[in-house]
Amino acid sequence: MTSTVDTPPSTPEPSPTFRARVGAGVLRWLRRFHPLGLIVALVFYCWSLSPSLLPRAWYLQGVATGISVVTGYGLGVLLAWGIRKCGFETNWPPILKKAGWYLLAVVALVVVPTFLALGSRWQRISRELVGMEGSGTWDYPGVLLVTIVLALLLLEIGRGLRRVAQWLSRMVVRVLPPPVARAVSVVLVGLLVFWAVEGLLSAEIAHIANGSARSVDAGTAEGVEQPQAPERSGSSASLEPWDSLGREGRTFVAGGPTPEEITAVTGDPAMMPIRVYAGYRSLDTEDGEEDDAQKMNLIASHVVAELDRTKAFERDYLAVATTTGRGWVNEDVASALEYLGDGNTAIAAMQYSFLASPLAFLADRVSPRDAGRALFEAVYAKWSVLDPATRPKLLVFGESLGSYGGQAAFAGAQDMITRTDGALWVGTPNFTEQWRRITDSRDPGSREILPVIYGGQNVRFAATPQDLTNLPGLRDWAFPRIVYWQHPSDPIVWWSPDLIRHRPDWLKEERGADVDKEMTWFPFVTFWQVTLDMVFAADVPGGHGHAYTDEAAYFWADILGIEDEARVKAVFDALSSGT
């Protein structure tokens, strides 16, 4: 007889707690990341918070840091892949792997808040250097939140594209060797992304140009009224209807000092300054089948007709201004010339686009060039056959895209010297061919931010009026005078795709007066920093960033050879006070 022994019922294992399940999930999620990628991402995080050209809002800092972090992660993963392909495999014991993860976590817990605090300090320094009041507030959690969300979003997009490339590789490997199939799949995915982005961008720009931007252009800024003086386009005497000038064109022709205001500042009798303008809508009555260059020539012909009507070729100074975006002209630069010339001036400008400057900067670099060439050549053709003894001095100026487009009318510095009596190029974009050639030909020992060209005989660069005469190595200042006005802290001037991989000369040299001395070049990171600096480049006090204001009086005085310091100071004060 066998005896039976009762076995106690087995005790079920307790189900993991919610906290344990969350912890396990987090660990599984973390294992999706490569440790070397995270290490490089942490380094890029620190770099991204370092000083740049201008102070940034916390959310823009979050964007710059998020893009930098995911870039660093990708480079770290790529480096690990390259190491494996070279045959260097590592098989660390589990305990070392666990210790490594703990060490990385501790380092991150120390480094992340530390560099947020340092970033805030660097931002305060940048604000002080550009003359912004107050210390500003930085949302530390906000910076971190934007960084994490954006980095994870970009990372998931990248992983999705990688899965697409892998799927394509499996398809292509049926007809091609595996290495070739992988390369082809990567190229195809890259082309698809490029075409998609380009298509979306083109569609959006087309929508804006044909819809909302055109609608905005039809409006008139508050306080702007149709001019009554016949010396202005858009007046009842003008060949150009008021409604055809566009929003910026109407603002331009309705602005500027009156003869009475000029006399009150300079103490001399003054004339009514001539301002002529033709808008893009002036083409509405044309055939409409011309290409872009022909359209620019047609608009330019309207401007010359206005110059003839107003007898502009009988004035002392005739200035050709190339506009930005949808037709903007810097009022301080225009008014300074009119004050200094006692109103015996004429300024000619035209609109070439309905796009706002930021969109035109990104997507349309052809129209500014076509417009700059068309307007100058049309005016020059009329001016050049006049009697040199009686014709006006021919000047040219432009800011930002206007500087880029205006310089397109010339083969280089010598051409400007030969065909004009002076030029003022303001905040010139880095991609301007003539600016780049002139800057690269600077005298040995001069800095990229303030180059000296052949001793500054005819061409000079300046951040402040004092630079026109105080830079080392300058010879006598001869006529005609070409001035490039650019601030060391202006990201429009210094932004370039080359910042991704190359350290520019201006970051090898001594920093400009309004740039933090601790700003340093880092691959990829500096590119995104300067890119985001451009967003609010003009929203800083005058004399910094992309804000070029009342100092125009001193630059025009040098270009025109006016040595009456009291007179120039009076004009500067008038511009500063807005009178």
Protein backbone atom coordinates (compact mmCIF):
# COMPACT_ATOMS: atom_id res chain seq x y z
CA MET A 1 0.00 0.00 0.00
CA THR A 2 1.43 3.22 -1.03
CA SER A 3 1.02 6.36 0.91
CA THR A 4 0.32 9.64 -0.68
CA VAL A 5 1.90 12.82 0.43
CA ASP A 6 -0.10 15.95 -0.03
CA THR A 7 1.89 18.61 -1.92
CA PRO A 8 1.06 22.10 -0.99
CA PRO A 9 -0.41 24.13 -3.78
CA SER A 10 2.18 26.25 -5.63
CA THR A 11 2.11 29.92 -4.82
CA PRO A 12 1.65 32.01 -7.96
CA GLU A 13 4.37 34.52 -8.61
CA PRO A 14 3.21 38.02 -7.79
CA SER A 15 2.45 40.10 -10.86
CA PRO A 16 4.90 42.94 -11.39
CA THR A 17 3.87 46.24 -9.97
CA PHE A 18 2.96 49.17 -12.19
CA ARG A 19 6.24 50.83 -11.29
CA ALA A 20 8.19 47.72 -12.26
CA ARG A 21 6.34 47.43 -15.56
CA VAL A 22 7.06 51.07 -16.36
CA GLY A 23 10.73 50.62 -15.46
CA ALA A 24 10.99 47.53 -17.66
CA GLY A 25 9.33 49.40 -20.51
CA VAL A 26 11.72 52.29 -20.16
CA LEU A 27 14.69 49.91 -20.20
CA ARG A 28 13.38 48.18 -23.33
CA TRP A 29 12.91 51.60 -24.96
CA LEU A 30 16.40 52.72 -23.97
CA ARG A 31 17.91 49.58 -25.49
CA ARG A 32 16.74 50.88 -28.87
CA PHE A 33 19.41 53.56 -28.64
CA HIS A 34 23.06 53.01 -29.38
CA PRO A 35 25.31 54.06 -26.48
CA LEU A 36 27.92 55.67 -28.73
CA GLY A 37 25.16 57.62 -30.47
CA LEU A 38 23.92 58.88 -27.09
CA ILE A 39 27.43 59.91 -26.05
CA VAL A 40 27.96 61.98 -29.19
CA ALA A 41 24.41 63.38 -28.87
CA LEU A 42 25.26 64.55 -25.35
CA VAL A 43 28.39 66.29 -26.66
CA PHE A 44 26.36 68.03 -29.37
CA TYR A 45 23.80 69.05 -26.75
CA CYS A 46 26.52 70.87 -24.83
CA TRP A 47 27.89 72.54 -27.96
CA SER A 48 24.44 73.72 -29.05
CA LEU A 49 24.03 75.80 -25.90
CA SER A 50 27.28 77.67 -26.48
CA PRO A 51 27.22 81.34 -27.62
CA SER A 52 26.17 82.32 -31.11
CA LEU A 53 25.83 85.65 -32.94
CA LEU A 54 22.61 86.83 -31.29
CA PRO A 55 20.51 86.01 -28.21
CA ARG A 56 17.75 83.51 -28.90
CA ALA A 57 14.31 82.88 -27.45
CA TRP A 58 14.08 79.67 -25.42
CA TYR A 59 11.97 77.88 -28.03
CA LEU A 60 14.48 78.64 -30.80
CA GLN A 61 17.22 77.37 -28.52
CA GLY A 62 15.19 74.19 -28.10
CA VAL A 63 14.96 73.79 -31.87
CA ALA A 64 18.71 74.36 -32.33
CA THR A 65 19.52 71.92 -29.55
CA GLY A 66 17.04 69.29 -30.73
CA ILE A 67 18.43 69.28 -34.26
CA SER A 68 21.99 69.22 -32.92
CA VAL A 69 21.23 66.30 -30.58
CA VAL A 70 19.74 64.11 -33.31
CA THR A 71 22.62 65.05 -35.63
CA GLY A 72 25.12 63.99 -32.97
CA TYR A 73 23.24 60.74 -32.39
CA GLY A 74 23.28 59.95 -36.09
CA LEU A 75 27.00 60.64 -36.35
CA GLY A 76 27.66 58.43 -33.31
CA VAL A 77 25.69 55.54 -34.81
CA LEU A 78 27.49 56.04 -38.12
CA LEU A 79 30.83 55.94 -36.31
CA ALA A 80 29.86 52.70 -34.54
CA TRP A 81 28.80 51.18 -37.87
CA GLY A 82 32.15 52.16 -39.41
CA ILE A 83 34.03 50.58 -36.50
CA ARG A 84 32.13 47.32 -36.96
CA LYS A 85 32.78 47.34 -40.68
CA CYS A 86 36.50 47.64 -39.96
CA GLY A 87 36.31 44.40 -37.98
CA PHE A 88 36.48 45.82 -34.48
CA GLU A 89 33.80 43.95 -32.57
CA THR A 90 33.40 44.39 -28.84
CA ASN A 91 31.70 41.87 -26.59
CA TRP A 92 31.51 43.50 -23.20
CA PRO A 93 30.42 41.44 -20.19
CA PRO A 94 26.82 42.22 -19.10
CA ILE A 95 28.00 43.76 -15.84
CA LEU A 96 30.23 46.25 -17.71
CA LYS A 97 27.40 47.11 -20.09
CA LYS A 98 25.11 47.78 -17.14
CA ALA A 99 27.77 49.89 -15.43
CA GLY A 100 28.31 51.83 -18.64
CA TRP A 101 24.61 52.66 -18.92
CA TYR A 102 24.53 53.81 -15.29
CA LEU A 103 27.61 55.97 -15.82
CA LEU A 104 26.09 57.56 -18.93
CA ALA A 105 22.89 58.28 -17.01
CA VAL A 106 24.78 59.93 -14.14
CA VAL A 107 26.84 62.05 -16.54
CA ALA A 108 23.67 63.14 -18.37
CA LEU A 109 21.97 64.06 -15.08
CA VAL A 110 24.89 66.36 -14.27
CA VAL A 111 25.67 67.73 -17.74
CA VAL A 112 22.12 68.49 -18.95
CA PRO A 113 21.14 71.00 -16.22
CA THR A 114 24.67 72.40 -15.98
CA PHE A 115 24.75 73.41 -19.62
CA LEU A 116 21.21 74.75 -19.47
CA ALA A 117 22.46 77.13 -16.78
CA LEU A 118 25.58 77.97 -18.79
CA GLY A 119 23.45 78.54 -21.88
CA SER A 120 21.30 81.00 -19.95
CA ARG A 121 24.43 82.85 -18.82
CA TRP A 122 25.77 83.04 -22.38
CA GLN A 123 22.41 84.37 -23.54
CA ARG A 124 22.56 87.16 -20.97
CA ILE A 125 26.02 88.11 -22.22
CA SER A 126 24.77 88.18 -25.82
CA ARG A 127 21.85 90.40 -24.83
CA GLU A 128 24.20 92.87 -23.17
CA LEU A 129 26.55 92.92 -26.18
CA VAL A 130 23.73 93.89 -28.58
CA GLY A 131 22.25 96.41 -26.17
CA MET A 132 19.04 94.59 -25.31
CA GLU A 133 17.56 95.74 -22.01
CA GLY A 134 16.94 93.35 -19.17
CA SER A 135 18.39 89.95 -18.62
CA GLY A 136 15.58 88.18 -20.44
CA THR A 137 13.95 85.02 -19.16
CA TRP A 138 14.84 81.54 -20.18
CA ASP A 139 12.40 78.71 -19.76
CA TYR A 140 14.74 75.86 -18.75
CA PRO A 141 12.06 73.13 -18.80
CA GLY A 142 10.80 74.57 -22.09
CA VAL A 143 14.21 74.32 -23.75
CA LEU A 144 14.57 70.73 -22.58
CA LEU A 145 11.03 69.76 -23.60
CA VAL A 146 11.37 71.19 -27.12
CA THR A 147 14.76 69.52 -27.44
CA ILE A 148 13.50 66.06 -26.45
CA VAL A 149 10.29 66.19 -28.49
CA LEU A 150 12.01 67.46 -31.64
CA ALA A 151 14.96 65.08 -31.34
CA LEU A 152 12.69 62.04 -30.89
CA LEU A 153 10.47 63.14 -33.77
CA LEU A 154 13.42 63.56 -36.11
CA LEU A 155 14.89 60.27 -34.91
CA GLU A 156 11.69 58.38 -35.65
CA ILE A 157 11.51 59.96 -39.09
CA GLY A 158 15.08 58.84 -39.69
CA ARG A 159 14.31 55.31 -38.53
CA GLY A 160 11.29 55.23 -40.79
CA LEU A 161 13.39 56.25 -43.77
CA ARG A 162 15.92 53.58 -42.84
CA ARG A 163 13.17 50.94 -42.88
CA VAL A 164 12.07 52.17 -46.30
CA ALA A 165 15.67 51.90 -47.53
CA GLN A 166 15.92 48.37 -46.14
CA TRP A 167 12.70 47.36 -47.90
CA LEU A 168 13.95 48.82 -51.17
CA SER A 169 17.26 47.00 -50.71
CA ARG A 170 15.43 43.68 -50.40
CA MET A 171 13.64 44.44 -53.66
CA VAL A 172 16.72 45.59 -55.54
CA VAL A 173 18.97 42.77 -54.28
CA ARG A 174 17.09 40.42 -56.60
CA VAL A 175 18.80 42.02 -59.60
CA LEU A 176 21.92 43.62 -58.10
CA PRO A 177 24.70 42.51 -55.73
CA PRO A 178 23.90 43.29 -52.05
CA PRO A 179 26.41 46.18 -51.63
CA VAL A 180 25.15 47.86 -54.79
CA ALA A 181 21.54 47.24 -53.80
CA ARG A 182 22.06 48.94 -50.43
CA ALA A 183 23.75 51.94 -52.04
CA VAL A 184 21.00 52.27 -54.65
CA SER A 185 18.26 52.08 -52.02
CA VAL A 186 19.88 54.81 -49.92
CA VAL A 187 20.24 57.07 -52.97
CA LEU A 188 16.61 56.46 -53.97
CA VAL A 189 15.32 57.30 -50.49
CA GLY A 190 17.45 60.45 -50.44
CA LEU A 191 16.06 61.54 -53.81
CA LEU A 192 12.49 60.83 -52.69
CA VAL A 193 12.96 62.98 -49.58
CA PHE A 194 14.51 65.78 -51.63
CA TRP A 195 11.71 65.73 -54.20
CA ALA A 196 9.06 65.64 -51.49
CA VAL A 197 10.52 68.60 -49.61
CA GLU A 198 11.11 70.57 -52.79
CA GLY A 199 7.59 69.81 -54.00
CA LEU A 200 6.01 70.88 -50.72
CA LEU A 201 8.11 74.04 -50.60
CA SER A 202 7.27 74.94 -54.20
CA ALA A 203 3.58 74.28 -53.64
CA GLU A 204 3.52 76.43 -50.52
CA ILE A 205 5.38 79.26 -52.21
CA ALA A 206 3.06 79.09 -55.20
CA HIS A 207 0.10 79.25 -52.85
CA ILE A 208 1.51 82.24 -51.01
CA ALA A 209 2.54 84.07 -54.16
CA ASN A 210 -0.81 83.54 -55.83
CA GLY A 211 -2.98 83.92 -52.76
CA SER A 212 -2.28 85.34 -49.36
CA ALA A 213 0.92 87.23 -50.21
CA ARG A 214 -0.76 88.95 -53.15
CA SER A 215 -3.67 89.80 -50.89
CA VAL A 216 -1.38 91.30 -48.25
CA ASP A 217 0.42 93.28 -50.95
CA ALA A 218 -2.89 94.87 -51.95
CA GLY A 219 -3.27 96.45 -48.52
CA THR A 220 -1.80 99.70 -47.28
CA ALA A 221 0.09 100.12 -44.03
CA GLU A 222 -1.60 102.09 -41.28
CA GLY A 223 -1.01 105.82 -41.53
CA VAL A 224 0.18 105.72 -45.15
CA GLU A 225 -1.68 108.12 -47.44
CA GLN A 226 -1.44 108.78 -51.15
CA PRO A 227 1.13 111.53 -51.82
CA GLN A 228 0.01 114.78 -53.38
CA ALA A 229 3.43 115.98 -54.54
CA PRO A 230 4.01 115.38 -58.27
CA GLU A 231 7.57 114.31 -57.41
CA ARG A 232 6.16 111.04 -56.09
CA SER A 233 4.94 107.95 -57.94
CA GLY A 234 1.34 107.16 -57.09
CA SER A 235 0.32 110.84 -56.99
CA SER A 236 -2.35 112.21 -59.30
CA ALA A 237 0.42 113.38 -61.65
CA SER A 238 2.11 109.97 -61.75
CA LEU A 239 2.12 107.48 -64.59
CA GLU A 240 1.95 104.71 -61.97
CA PRO A 241 -1.44 104.31 -60.27
CA TRP A 242 -1.39 104.35 -56.46
CA ASP A 243 -3.02 100.91 -56.30
CA SER A 244 -0.34 99.36 -58.53
CA LEU A 245 2.60 100.13 -56.26
CA GLY A 246 2.11 97.38 -53.70
CA ARG A 247 2.10 97.76 -49.94
CA GLU A 248 5.83 98.48 -49.57
CA GLY A 249 5.89 100.74 -52.62
CA ARG A 250 3.08 102.87 -51.25
CA THR A 251 4.90 103.14 -47.93
CA PHE A 252 8.09 104.21 -49.71
CA VAL A 253 6.63 106.94 -51.94
CA ALA A 254 4.50 108.33 -49.10
CA GLY A 255 7.45 108.55 -46.71
CA GLY A 256 10.59 110.59 -46.37
CA PRO A 257 11.24 114.15 -45.22
CA THR A 258 9.53 117.21 -46.67
CA PRO A 259 11.49 120.31 -47.75
CA GLU A 260 10.45 122.03 -44.53
CA GLU A 261 11.68 119.13 -42.40
CA ILE A 262 14.99 119.03 -44.25
CA THR A 263 15.52 122.76 -43.78
CA ALA A 264 14.67 122.48 -40.09
CA VAL A 265 17.48 119.94 -39.70
CA THR A 266 20.17 121.30 -42.04
CA GLY A 267 19.34 125.02 -42.01
CA ASP A 268 19.58 125.18 -45.82
CA PRO A 269 16.85 125.63 -48.46
CA ALA A 270 15.58 122.27 -49.67
CA MET A 271 13.67 120.73 -52.55
CA MET A 272 11.01 118.06 -52.48
CA PRO A 273 12.91 114.75 -52.80
CA ILE A 274 11.87 112.63 -55.77
CA ARG A 275 10.83 109.04 -55.09
CA VAL A 276 9.74 106.95 -58.07
CA TYR A 277 8.55 103.38 -57.92
CA ALA A 278 6.86 100.72 -60.03
CA GLY A 279 5.05 97.74 -58.53
CA TYR A 280 4.77 94.20 -59.78
CA ARG A 281 1.10 94.87 -60.48
CA SER A 282 2.13 97.29 -63.20
CA LEU A 283 2.45 94.15 -65.34
CA ASP A 284 -1.26 93.36 -64.98
CA THR A 285 -2.02 95.31 -68.13
CA GLU A 286 0.84 93.79 -70.09
CA ASP A 287 0.80 90.72 -72.32
CA GLY A 288 1.85 88.51 -69.42
CA GLU A 289 3.69 85.96 -71.58
CA GLU A 290 7.19 87.33 -71.00
CA ASP A 291 9.81 85.43 -69.03
CA ASP A 292 10.96 86.71 -65.63
CA ALA A 293 13.86 88.76 -67.00
CA GLN A 294 11.61 90.42 -69.57
CA LYS A 295 9.07 91.23 -66.86
CA MET A 296 11.78 92.91 -64.80
CA ASN A 297 12.80 94.94 -67.87
CA LEU A 298 9.20 96.05 -68.35
CA ILE A 299 8.84 97.18 -64.73
CA ALA A 300 12.20 98.97 -64.97
CA SER A 301 10.99 100.83 -68.05
CA HIS A 302 8.06 102.13 -65.99
CA VAL A 303 10.52 103.43 -63.39
CA VAL A 304 12.58 105.26 -66.04
CA ALA A 305 9.41 106.81 -67.42
CA GLU A 306 8.70 108.14 -63.91
CA LEU A 307 12.24 109.50 -63.69
CA ASP A 308 11.68 111.36 -66.95
CA ARG A 309 8.32 112.70 -65.79
CA THR A 310 9.72 114.07 -62.53
CA LYS A 311 12.86 115.51 -64.20
CA ALA A 312 14.96 113.34 -61.91
CA PHE A 313 17.94 113.50 -64.26
CA GLU A 314 18.23 117.20 -63.43
CA ARG A 315 18.81 116.58 -59.70
CA ASP A 316 22.21 116.53 -57.98
CA TYR A 317 21.94 112.89 -56.88
CA LEU A 318 20.16 109.98 -58.54
CA ALA A 319 20.09 106.73 -56.53
CA VAL A 320 19.04 103.31 -57.80
CA ALA A 321 17.73 101.20 -54.92
CA THR A 322 17.19 97.46 -55.22
CA THR A 323 14.44 96.36 -52.84
CA THR A 324 13.97 93.26 -50.69
CA GLY A 325 11.21 90.68 -50.91
CA ARG A 326 7.94 92.34 -51.80
CA GLY A 327 9.54 95.74 -52.36
CA TRP A 328 10.87 97.17 -49.08
CA VAL A 329 13.37 100.03 -48.94
CA ASN A 330 15.16 100.95 -45.70
CA GLU A 331 13.64 104.32 -44.77
CA ASP A 332 16.65 105.43 -42.73
CA VAL A 333 19.03 104.82 -45.63
CA ALA A 334 16.77 106.65 -48.10
CA SER A 335 15.99 109.59 -45.80
CA ALA A 336 19.63 110.06 -44.80
CA LEU A 337 20.55 110.63 -48.44
CA GLU A 338 17.67 113.07 -48.88
CA TYR A 339 18.59 115.10 -45.79
CA LEU A 340 22.26 115.30 -46.73
CA GLY A 341 21.41 116.25 -50.32
CA ASP A 342 18.97 119.02 -49.27
CA GLY A 343 16.24 117.13 -51.10
CA ASN A 344 18.02 117.65 -54.43
CA THR A 345 17.80 113.89 -54.88
CA ALA A 346 15.88 111.21 -56.74
CA ILE A 347 15.54 107.59 -55.62
CA ALA A 348 14.31 104.92 -58.04
CA ALA A 349 13.08 101.52 -56.91
CA MET A 350 10.82 98.70 -58.08
CA GLN A 351 9.03 95.62 -56.79
CA TYR A 352 9.95 92.20 -58.15
CA SER A 353 7.99 89.76 -55.98
CA PHE A 354 4.96 89.27 -53.75
CA LEU A 355 6.97 87.09 -51.38
CA ALA A 356 8.05 88.31 -47.97
CA SER A 357 11.83 88.58 -47.58
CA PRO A 358 12.33 85.36 -45.53
CA LEU A 359 10.59 83.26 -48.18
CA ALA A 360 12.32 85.07 -51.02
CA PHE A 361 15.64 84.54 -49.20
CA LEU A 362 15.05 80.78 -49.16
CA ALA A 363 13.29 80.17 -52.44
CA ASP A 364 13.80 82.99 -54.96
CA ARG A 365 17.29 84.24 -55.63
CA VAL A 366 16.70 84.77 -59.33
CA SER A 367 14.19 87.65 -59.20
CA PRO A 368 16.40 89.97 -57.09
CA ARG A 369 19.27 89.52 -59.54
CA ASP A 370 17.04 90.10 -62.57
CA ALA A 371 15.49 93.16 -60.94
CA GLY A 372 18.84 94.61 -59.86
CA ARG A 373 20.28 94.27 -63.34
CA ALA A 374 17.16 95.48 -65.12
CA LEU A 375 16.68 98.62 -63.05
CA PHE A 376 20.30 99.73 -63.01
CA GLU A 377 20.85 99.05 -66.71
CA ALA A 378 17.67 100.92 -67.64
CA VAL A 379 18.67 103.96 -65.58
CA TYR A 380 22.30 103.77 -66.65
CA ALA A 381 21.35 103.66 -70.35
CA LYS A 382 19.52 106.99 -69.93
CA TRP A 383 22.07 108.57 -67.57
CA SER A 384 25.24 107.59 -69.44
CA VAL A 385 24.37 109.62 -72.56
CA LEU A 386 23.80 112.83 -70.57
CA ASP A 387 26.40 115.58 -70.31
CA PRO A 388 28.88 114.51 -67.60
CA ALA A 389 29.15 118.13 -66.46
CA THR A 390 25.44 118.47 -65.64
CA ARG A 391 24.09 115.00 -65.03
CA PRO A 392 23.45 113.87 -61.44
CA LYS A 393 25.84 111.74 -59.45
CA LEU A 394 24.70 108.14 -59.94
CA LEU A 395 24.46 106.17 -56.69
CA VAL A 396 23.33 102.64 -55.89
CA PHE A 397 22.23 101.04 -52.65
CA GLY A 398 20.38 98.04 -51.28
CA GLU A 399 19.97 96.04 -48.12
CA SER A 400 19.97 92.26 -47.65
CA LEU A 401 18.37 90.76 -50.79
CA GLY A 402 18.47 94.28 -52.20
CA SER A 403 22.25 94.32 -51.79
CA TYR A 404 22.47 90.87 -53.36
CA GLY A 405 20.27 91.85 -56.30
CA GLY A 406 21.80 95.30 -56.75
CA GLN A 407 25.35 93.96 -56.99
CA ALA A 408 24.24 91.56 -59.72
CA ALA A 409 24.29 94.52 -62.11
CA PHE A 410 28.08 94.66 -61.80
CA ALA A 411 30.92 92.34 -62.73
CA GLY A 412 32.80 93.31 -59.59
CA ALA A 413 34.26 96.20 -57.61
CA GLN A 414 36.02 97.79 -60.57
CA ASP A 415 32.79 97.81 -62.56
CA MET A 416 31.03 99.59 -59.68
CA ILE A 417 33.83 102.15 -59.52
CA THR A 418 33.67 102.69 -63.28
CA ARG A 419 29.91 103.01 -63.68
CA THR A 420 28.74 104.72 -60.46
CA ASP A 421 29.60 107.67 -58.27
CA GLY A 422 29.17 105.68 -55.07
CA ALA A 423 27.44 102.71 -53.48
CA LEU A 424 26.14 101.68 -50.06
CA TRP A 425 25.60 97.93 -49.70
CA VAL A 426 23.95 97.03 -46.41
CA GLY A 427 23.82 93.63 -44.67
CA THR A 428 24.91 91.71 -47.75
CA PRO A 429 23.99 87.98 -47.71
CA ASN A 430 26.93 85.61 -47.69
CA PHE A 431 25.91 84.00 -50.98
CA THR A 432 26.40 87.26 -52.93
CA GLU A 433 29.00 86.49 -55.58
CA GLN A 434 30.51 89.96 -55.85
CA TRP A 435 30.74 90.38 -52.06
CA ARG A 436 32.44 87.00 -51.74
CA ARG A 437 35.01 87.73 -54.45
CA ILE A 438 35.84 91.14 -52.97
CA THR A 439 36.07 89.76 -49.42
CA ASP A 440 38.31 86.89 -50.51
CA SER A 441 40.68 89.34 -52.21
CA ARG A 442 41.29 91.29 -48.99
CA ASP A 443 44.72 92.52 -48.04
CA PRO A 444 46.84 90.12 -45.94
CA GLY A 445 46.28 90.61 -42.24
CA SER A 446 42.81 92.16 -42.50
CA ARG A 447 39.87 90.34 -40.95
CA GLU A 448 36.99 88.76 -42.85
CA ILE A 449 34.43 90.74 -40.83
CA LEU A 450 36.18 94.03 -41.78
CA PRO A 451 38.39 93.36 -44.80
CA VAL A 452 40.68 95.98 -46.27
CA ILE A 453 40.68 95.91 -50.09
CA TYR A 454 43.75 97.39 -51.84
CA GLY A 455 44.30 99.69 -48.90
CA GLY A 456 40.69 100.85 -48.98
CA GLN A 457 41.32 103.22 -51.85
CA ASN A 458 37.77 102.95 -53.26
CA VAL A 459 36.11 100.06 -51.43
CA ARG A 460 35.72 99.91 -47.64
CA PHE A 461 33.94 97.66 -45.18
CA ALA A 462 32.60 98.95 -41.88
CA ALA A 463 30.50 97.91 -38.91
CA THR A 464 30.48 101.46 -37.54
CA PRO A 465 31.20 104.81 -39.23
CA GLN A 466 34.54 104.97 -37.42
CA ASP A 467 35.72 101.87 -39.28
CA LEU A 468 35.75 103.81 -42.54
CA THR A 469 38.80 105.73 -41.38
CA ASN A 470 40.22 103.88 -38.38
CA LEU A 471 41.06 100.43 -39.74
CA PRO A 472 44.79 99.68 -40.01
CA GLY A 473 46.34 99.69 -43.46
CA LEU A 474 44.02 102.27 -45.06
CA ARG A 475 45.29 104.58 -47.77
CA ASP A 476 43.75 107.87 -48.89
CA TRP A 477 39.97 107.60 -49.46
CA ALA A 478 39.42 108.21 -53.20
CA PHE A 479 36.25 108.73 -55.22
CA PRO A 480 34.03 106.97 -56.20
CA ARG A 481 33.50 105.34 -52.80
CA ILE A 482 31.94 101.90 -52.35
CA VAL A 483 30.90 101.04 -48.78
CA TYR A 484 29.87 97.65 -47.41
CA TRP A 485 28.05 98.17 -44.12
CA GLN A 486 27.89 94.94 -42.12
CA HIS A 487 27.66 94.08 -38.44
CA PRO A 488 29.79 91.30 -36.90
CA SER A 489 26.61 89.94 -35.27
CA ASP A 490 24.50 89.89 -38.46
CA PRO A 491 23.65 86.24 -39.27
CA ILE A 492 22.38 87.23 -42.75
CA VAL A 493 25.94 88.22 -43.62
CA TRP A 494 27.64 85.18 -42.07
CA TRP A 495 25.20 82.33 -42.69
CA SER A 496 26.46 79.78 -45.20
CA PRO A 497 25.97 76.03 -45.78
CA ASP A 498 29.75 75.76 -45.48
CA LEU A 499 29.31 76.26 -41.73
CA ILE A 500 28.28 72.59 -41.57
CA ARG A 501 31.77 71.32 -42.30
CA HIS A 502 34.20 74.25 -42.41
CA ARG A 503 35.31 76.77 -39.84
CA PRO A 504 35.11 80.20 -41.49
CA ASP A 505 37.79 82.84 -41.18
CA TRP A 506 35.53 85.08 -39.08
CA LEU A 507 35.51 82.38 -36.40
CA LYS A 508 39.28 81.96 -36.57
CA GLU A 509 39.91 85.67 -36.06
CA GLU A 510 39.20 87.98 -33.16
CA ARG A 511 35.43 88.24 -32.68
CA GLY A 512 33.54 91.41 -33.49
CA ALA A 513 32.72 93.89 -30.74
CA ASP A 514 29.11 92.71 -30.34
CA VAL A 515 29.81 88.97 -30.51
CA ASP A 516 30.62 86.87 -27.44
CA LYS A 517 34.34 86.08 -27.44
CA GLU A 518 33.47 82.51 -26.39
CA MET A 519 31.62 81.79 -29.63
CA THR A 520 33.39 78.86 -31.30
CA TRP A 521 32.81 76.85 -34.43
CA PHE A 522 31.49 73.30 -34.04
CA PRO A 523 30.68 71.10 -37.06
CA PHE A 524 26.95 70.98 -37.83
CA VAL A 525 26.03 72.77 -34.60
CA THR A 526 27.20 76.26 -35.58
CA PHE A 527 25.27 75.99 -38.84
CA TRP A 528 22.00 75.45 -36.98
CA GLN A 529 22.79 78.13 -34.42
CA VAL A 530 23.39 80.78 -37.08
CA THR A 531 20.39 79.53 -39.10
CA LEU A 532 18.09 80.17 -36.16
CA ASP A 533 19.83 83.47 -35.36
CA MET A 534 18.38 84.71 -38.67
CA VAL A 535 14.78 84.34 -37.47
CA PHE A 536 14.87 87.48 -35.32
CA ALA A 537 18.01 89.05 -36.78
CA ALA A 538 16.32 92.44 -37.26
CA ASP A 539 14.59 92.45 -33.85
CA VAL A 540 17.60 93.86 -32.00
CA PRO A 541 18.66 97.46 -31.35
CA GLY A 542 20.11 99.37 -34.29
CA GLY A 543 23.81 98.86 -34.84
CA HIS A 544 23.60 95.11 -34.24
CA GLY A 545 22.35 92.02 -36.01
CA HIS A 546 20.43 92.86 -39.18
CA ALA A 547 19.18 96.22 -37.83
CA TYR A 548 20.74 99.01 -39.91
CA THR A 549 19.30 102.38 -38.94
CA ASP A 550 20.37 105.98 -38.24
CA GLU A 551 24.12 105.49 -38.77
CA ALA A 552 23.31 105.62 -42.49
CA ALA A 553 23.82 109.39 -42.22
CA TYR A 554 27.53 108.95 -41.52
CA PHE A 555 28.01 106.37 -44.28
CA TRP A 556 26.32 108.52 -46.93
CA ALA A 557 28.35 111.53 -45.77
CA ASP A 558 31.58 109.62 -46.42
CA ILE A 559 30.37 108.37 -49.79
CA LEU A 560 29.32 111.88 -50.87
CA GLY A 561 32.40 113.57 -49.38
CA ILE A 562 30.44 115.75 -46.92
CA GLU A 563 32.82 116.84 -44.16
CA ASP A 564 30.48 119.12 -42.18
CA GLU A 565 30.34 117.09 -38.97
CA ALA A 566 27.68 119.27 -37.37
CA ARG A 567 25.42 118.82 -40.38
CA VAL A 568 25.87 115.06 -40.40
CA LYS A 569 25.26 114.87 -36.65
CA ALA A 570 22.03 116.86 -37.08
CA VAL A 571 20.82 114.39 -39.72
CA PHE A 572 21.78 111.46 -37.49
CA ASP A 573 19.83 112.99 -34.59
CA ALA A 574 16.81 113.55 -36.84
CA LEU A 575 16.82 109.92 -37.95
CA SER A 576 17.30 108.74 -34.37
CA SER A 577 14.32 110.74 -33.16
CA GLY A 578 12.17 109.70 -36.10
CA THR A 579 11.64 113.25 -37.34
